[in-house]
Amino acid sequence: MAETKTETAAQDATAQDATARDTRDERTAAKLAKRIGAFAKEHGGAEAQLAYVGERGTRIVLVGQDGGWGDLFATSHAVAEAAVAKAGVTVHEDFDGEFAAKVKTGPYEWTRMAGMQLGGPKNKA
């Protein structure tokens, strides 16, 4: 059965959308990889864990060799995987054990994580 012009145009538009999405995802992964690399440089190296948070995307948790930590957000798990691969950092399946023990927290984190909720001291603005 021959395709109609409308079907062909719809297929072309779908292919163009997919190509544009792939290009956008590649640029996003490259930007995230650059930020991961900057974090690693500042903290003497870095390791990561990817936390899928549903339709919203994936959180990239970074832990530096000096115990500093931070996170980035990717629009999809595939983008997050591409970003950490481009950055060349070790990726852990879970945030537990030896990996979690590398994180160093200070007074700010403790008051933000528990102090405020338990009636402890509030952080100064």
Protein backbone atom coordinates (compact mmCIF):
# COMPACT_ATOMS: atom_id res chain seq x y z
CA MET A 1 0.00 0.00 0.00
CA ALA A 2 1.42 3.39 -0.93
CA GLU A 3 1.99 6.00 1.75
CA THR A 4 0.19 9.29 1.48
CA LYS A 5 2.02 12.61 1.50
CA THR A 6 0.58 13.30 4.95
CA GLU A 7 1.97 10.04 6.38
CA THR A 8 5.38 10.71 4.85
CA ALA A 9 5.42 14.29 6.19
CA ALA A 10 4.44 13.02 9.67
CA GLN A 11 7.24 10.43 9.61
CA ASP A 12 9.76 13.08 8.51
CA ALA A 13 8.64 15.42 11.30
CA THR A 14 8.96 12.61 13.85
CA ALA A 15 12.47 11.79 12.63
CA GLN A 16 13.46 15.48 12.80
CA ASP A 17 12.09 15.74 16.35
CA ALA A 18 14.08 12.68 17.40
CA THR A 19 17.26 14.07 15.83
CA ALA A 20 16.75 17.44 17.53
CA ARG A 21 16.12 15.70 20.88
CA ASP A 22 19.28 13.58 20.47
CA THR A 23 21.34 16.67 19.64
CA ARG A 24 19.91 18.55 22.64
CA ASP A 25 20.60 15.59 24.93
CA GLU A 26 24.21 15.37 23.67
CA ARG A 27 24.76 19.09 24.37
CA THR A 28 23.19 18.75 27.82
CA ALA A 29 25.39 15.74 28.65
CA ALA A 30 28.49 17.64 27.48
CA LYS A 31 27.61 20.63 29.69
CA LEU A 32 27.00 18.38 32.69
CA ALA A 33 30.27 16.53 32.02
CA LYS A 34 32.11 19.86 32.03
CA ARG A 35 30.58 20.75 35.41
CA ILE A 36 31.40 17.29 36.78
CA GLY A 37 34.98 17.71 35.58
CA ALA A 38 35.23 21.11 37.27
CA PHE A 39 33.92 19.61 40.52
CA ALA A 40 36.42 16.75 40.28
CA LYS A 41 39.28 19.17 39.66
CA GLU A 42 38.31 21.30 42.64
CA HIS A 43 37.96 18.32 44.98
CA GLY A 44 40.93 16.16 43.93
CA GLY A 45 38.79 13.75 41.93
CA ALA A 46 35.19 12.63 42.18
CA GLU A 47 32.88 9.66 42.22
CA ALA A 48 29.18 9.65 41.39
CA GLN A 49 25.90 7.90 42.00
CA LEU A 50 22.87 8.28 39.74
CA ALA A 51 19.50 8.51 41.48
CA TYR A 52 16.53 8.16 39.14
CA VAL A 53 13.73 10.42 40.35
CA GLY A 54 11.00 9.45 37.92
CA GLU A 55 9.72 11.39 34.94
CA ARG A 56 11.52 14.49 36.17
CA GLY A 57 14.97 13.01 35.49
CA THR A 58 18.03 11.79 37.35
CA ARG A 59 20.05 13.33 40.16
CA ILE A 60 23.83 13.02 39.80
CA VAL A 61 25.31 12.94 43.31
CA LEU A 62 29.03 13.77 43.34
CA VAL A 63 31.49 13.08 46.15
CA GLY A 64 34.98 14.52 45.92
CA GLN A 65 38.13 12.83 47.20
CA ASP A 66 38.30 15.52 49.89
CA GLY A 67 34.78 14.65 51.14
CA GLY A 68 33.11 17.63 49.50
CA TRP A 69 29.86 16.82 47.81
CA GLY A 70 27.24 18.26 45.53
CA ASP A 71 24.71 17.28 42.96
CA LEU A 72 23.48 18.05 39.48
CA PHE A 73 20.23 17.24 37.77
CA ALA A 74 19.85 15.63 34.34
CA THR A 75 16.62 15.59 32.37
CA SER A 76 16.84 11.82 31.84
CA HIS A 77 18.77 8.82 33.06
CA ALA A 78 20.35 8.42 29.63
CA VAL A 79 21.67 12.00 29.74
CA ALA A 80 23.06 11.43 33.26
CA GLU A 81 24.79 8.22 32.16
CA ALA A 82 26.29 9.98 29.15
CA ALA A 83 27.50 12.89 31.31
CA VAL A 84 29.32 10.74 33.87
CA ALA A 85 30.81 8.62 31.09
CA LYS A 86 32.12 11.74 29.31
CA ALA A 87 33.51 13.06 32.61
CA GLY A 88 35.23 9.75 33.28
CA VAL A 89 34.20 9.41 36.91
CA THR A 90 33.53 6.19 38.80
CA VAL A 91 29.81 5.54 39.19
CA HIS A 92 28.42 3.62 42.17
CA GLU A 93 25.18 1.63 42.03
CA ASP A 94 24.13 2.70 45.53
CA PHE A 95 24.88 5.52 47.92
CA ASP A 96 25.95 3.41 50.85
CA GLY A 97 28.92 1.80 52.55
CA GLU A 98 32.40 3.11 51.81
CA PHE A 99 31.10 5.57 49.21
CA ALA A 100 28.68 7.27 51.61
CA ALA A 101 31.33 7.33 54.33
CA LYS A 102 33.49 9.59 52.14
CA VAL A 103 31.02 12.48 52.49
CA LYS A 104 32.08 15.12 55.01
CA THR A 105 29.35 17.29 56.46
CA GLY A 106 29.61 20.38 58.58
CA PRO A 107 27.36 22.36 60.92
CA TYR A 108 25.37 23.81 58.02
CA GLU A 109 24.33 20.41 56.72
CA TRP A 110 23.46 19.10 60.18
CA THR A 111 21.19 22.02 60.99
CA ARG A 112 19.58 21.88 57.56
CA MET A 113 19.04 18.11 57.64
CA ALA A 114 17.87 17.71 61.22
CA GLY A 115 18.28 20.78 63.39
CA MET A 116 15.48 22.84 61.90
CA GLN A 117 13.02 19.94 61.88
CA LEU A 118 13.84 18.94 65.45
CA GLY A 119 13.75 22.45 66.86
CA GLY A 120 17.52 22.87 66.78
CA PRO A 121 19.40 26.04 65.88
CA LYS A 122 18.51 27.71 62.62
CA ASN A 123 21.15 28.64 60.07
CA LYS A 124 22.03 32.29 59.81
CA ALA A 125 21.00 33.82 56.54
